[in-house]
Amino acid sequence: MSSKEKTWKEISMAGVCSRSSTGFMTGDWKTYMPTRDLEKCTVCLTCVMLCPEGAIRFRPEMKKIEFDYSFCKGCGICANECPTKAITMKLEQE
């Protein structure tokens, strides 16, 4: 038996991972990805606070929000909770 940790792809369905998702690039899980309408966005940071994966970051020096698609799982919480409906979920191929 190897002492090497398993990746998320090797863990059995409904298995528990030994590390947080920040240890794995889980962006390939998604079918949908968030896109932001800059005209509607008020940079209220609701999406940043509610993203369960920390895939949305606020860059205060630029007063800008960035999506890290390497970790975004496409859950849609950001789009559902955005008070100005500035975030929509699009198919990844679009």
Protein backbone atom coordinates (compact mmCIF):
# COMPACT_ATOMS: atom_id res chain seq x y z
CA MET A 1 0.00 0.00 0.00
CA SER A 2 1.38 3.39 -0.99
CA SER A 3 1.73 6.24 1.48
CA LYS A 4 0.91 8.72 -1.29
CA GLU A 5 -2.32 10.65 -0.69
CA LYS A 6 -5.13 9.98 -3.13
CA THR A 7 -6.42 12.72 -5.40
CA TRP A 8 -10.11 13.65 -5.32
CA LYS A 9 -10.58 11.53 -8.46
CA GLU A 10 -9.30 8.43 -6.66
CA ILE A 11 -11.51 8.75 -3.57
CA SER A 12 -14.62 6.54 -3.66
CA MET A 13 -17.99 8.20 -4.19
CA ALA A 14 -19.26 9.83 -0.96
CA GLY A 15 -15.79 9.37 0.52
CA VAL A 16 -14.27 11.97 2.79
CA CYS A 17 -11.22 13.84 1.61
CA SER A 18 -8.39 14.36 4.08
CA ARG A 19 -7.69 17.93 2.93
CA SER A 20 -9.72 21.01 2.09
CA SER A 21 -10.56 21.76 -1.51
CA THR A 22 -7.86 24.43 -1.59
CA GLY A 23 -5.41 21.53 -1.81
CA PHE A 24 -6.95 20.32 -5.07
CA MET A 25 -7.70 22.13 -8.30
CA THR A 26 -11.35 21.12 -8.48
CA GLY A 27 -12.37 23.42 -11.32
CA ASP A 28 -12.77 20.52 -13.70
CA TRP A 29 -15.87 19.42 -11.75
CA LYS A 30 -18.00 22.18 -13.21
CA THR A 31 -20.43 22.18 -16.11
CA TYR A 32 -21.48 25.79 -15.57
CA MET A 33 -19.22 28.70 -14.79
CA PRO A 34 -20.05 32.13 -13.35
CA THR A 35 -19.70 35.23 -15.47
CA ARG A 36 -20.06 38.75 -14.12
CA ASP A 37 -21.75 41.74 -15.74
CA LEU A 38 -19.43 44.61 -14.79
CA GLU A 39 -22.18 47.21 -15.33
CA LYS A 40 -24.51 45.51 -12.81
CA CYS A 41 -21.83 44.61 -10.25
CA THR A 42 -21.59 46.94 -7.26
CA VAL A 43 -18.63 45.03 -5.73
CA CYS A 44 -20.73 44.33 -2.62
CA LEU A 45 -18.57 41.21 -1.98
CA THR A 46 -21.56 38.94 -1.26
CA CYS A 47 -20.19 36.43 -3.77
CA VAL A 48 -16.76 36.53 -2.17
CA MET A 49 -18.19 35.86 1.29
CA LEU A 50 -20.52 33.05 0.20
CA CYS A 51 -18.33 31.09 -2.20
CA PRO A 52 -17.80 27.75 -0.43
CA GLU A 53 -14.53 27.13 -2.26
CA GLY A 54 -12.90 30.54 -1.97
CA ALA A 55 -12.84 30.68 -5.76
CA ILE A 56 -13.91 34.33 -5.84
CA ARG A 57 -11.40 36.83 -4.52
CA PHE A 58 -11.49 40.55 -3.92
CA ARG A 59 -8.41 42.48 -4.97
CA PRO A 60 -8.64 45.66 -2.85
CA GLU A 61 -5.69 47.34 -4.54
CA MET A 62 -7.59 47.14 -7.85
CA LYS A 63 -11.11 47.30 -6.34
CA LYS A 64 -11.82 44.23 -8.43
CA ILE A 65 -13.36 40.77 -8.02
CA GLU A 66 -11.69 37.81 -9.71
CA PHE A 67 -12.95 34.28 -10.30
CA ASP A 68 -10.41 31.49 -9.93
CA TYR A 69 -11.83 28.90 -12.32
CA SER A 70 -9.21 26.38 -11.20
CA PHE A 71 -11.20 25.95 -7.97
CA CYS A 72 -14.74 26.98 -9.00
CA LYS A 73 -17.03 23.95 -9.00
CA GLY A 74 -19.89 25.77 -10.73
CA CYS A 75 -22.30 25.45 -7.80
CA GLY A 76 -24.07 28.74 -8.64
CA ILE A 77 -24.32 30.07 -5.08
CA CYS A 78 -22.70 33.33 -6.20
CA ALA A 79 -25.29 33.80 -8.98
CA ASN A 80 -28.23 32.86 -6.74
CA GLU A 81 -27.20 35.22 -3.96
CA CYS A 82 -26.00 38.22 -5.99
CA PRO A 83 -28.33 41.09 -4.98
CA THR A 84 -27.98 42.86 -8.34
CA LYS A 85 -28.08 39.66 -10.48
CA ALA A 86 -24.68 40.62 -11.92
CA ILE A 87 -23.53 36.98 -11.99
CA THR A 88 -25.00 34.41 -14.35
CA MET A 89 -24.08 30.79 -14.86
CA LYS A 90 -23.07 29.84 -18.39
CA LEU A 91 -22.19 26.47 -19.87
CA GLU A 92 -18.42 26.17 -19.85
CA GLN A 93 -18.30 25.84 -23.65
CA GLU A 94 -20.18 29.11 -24.25
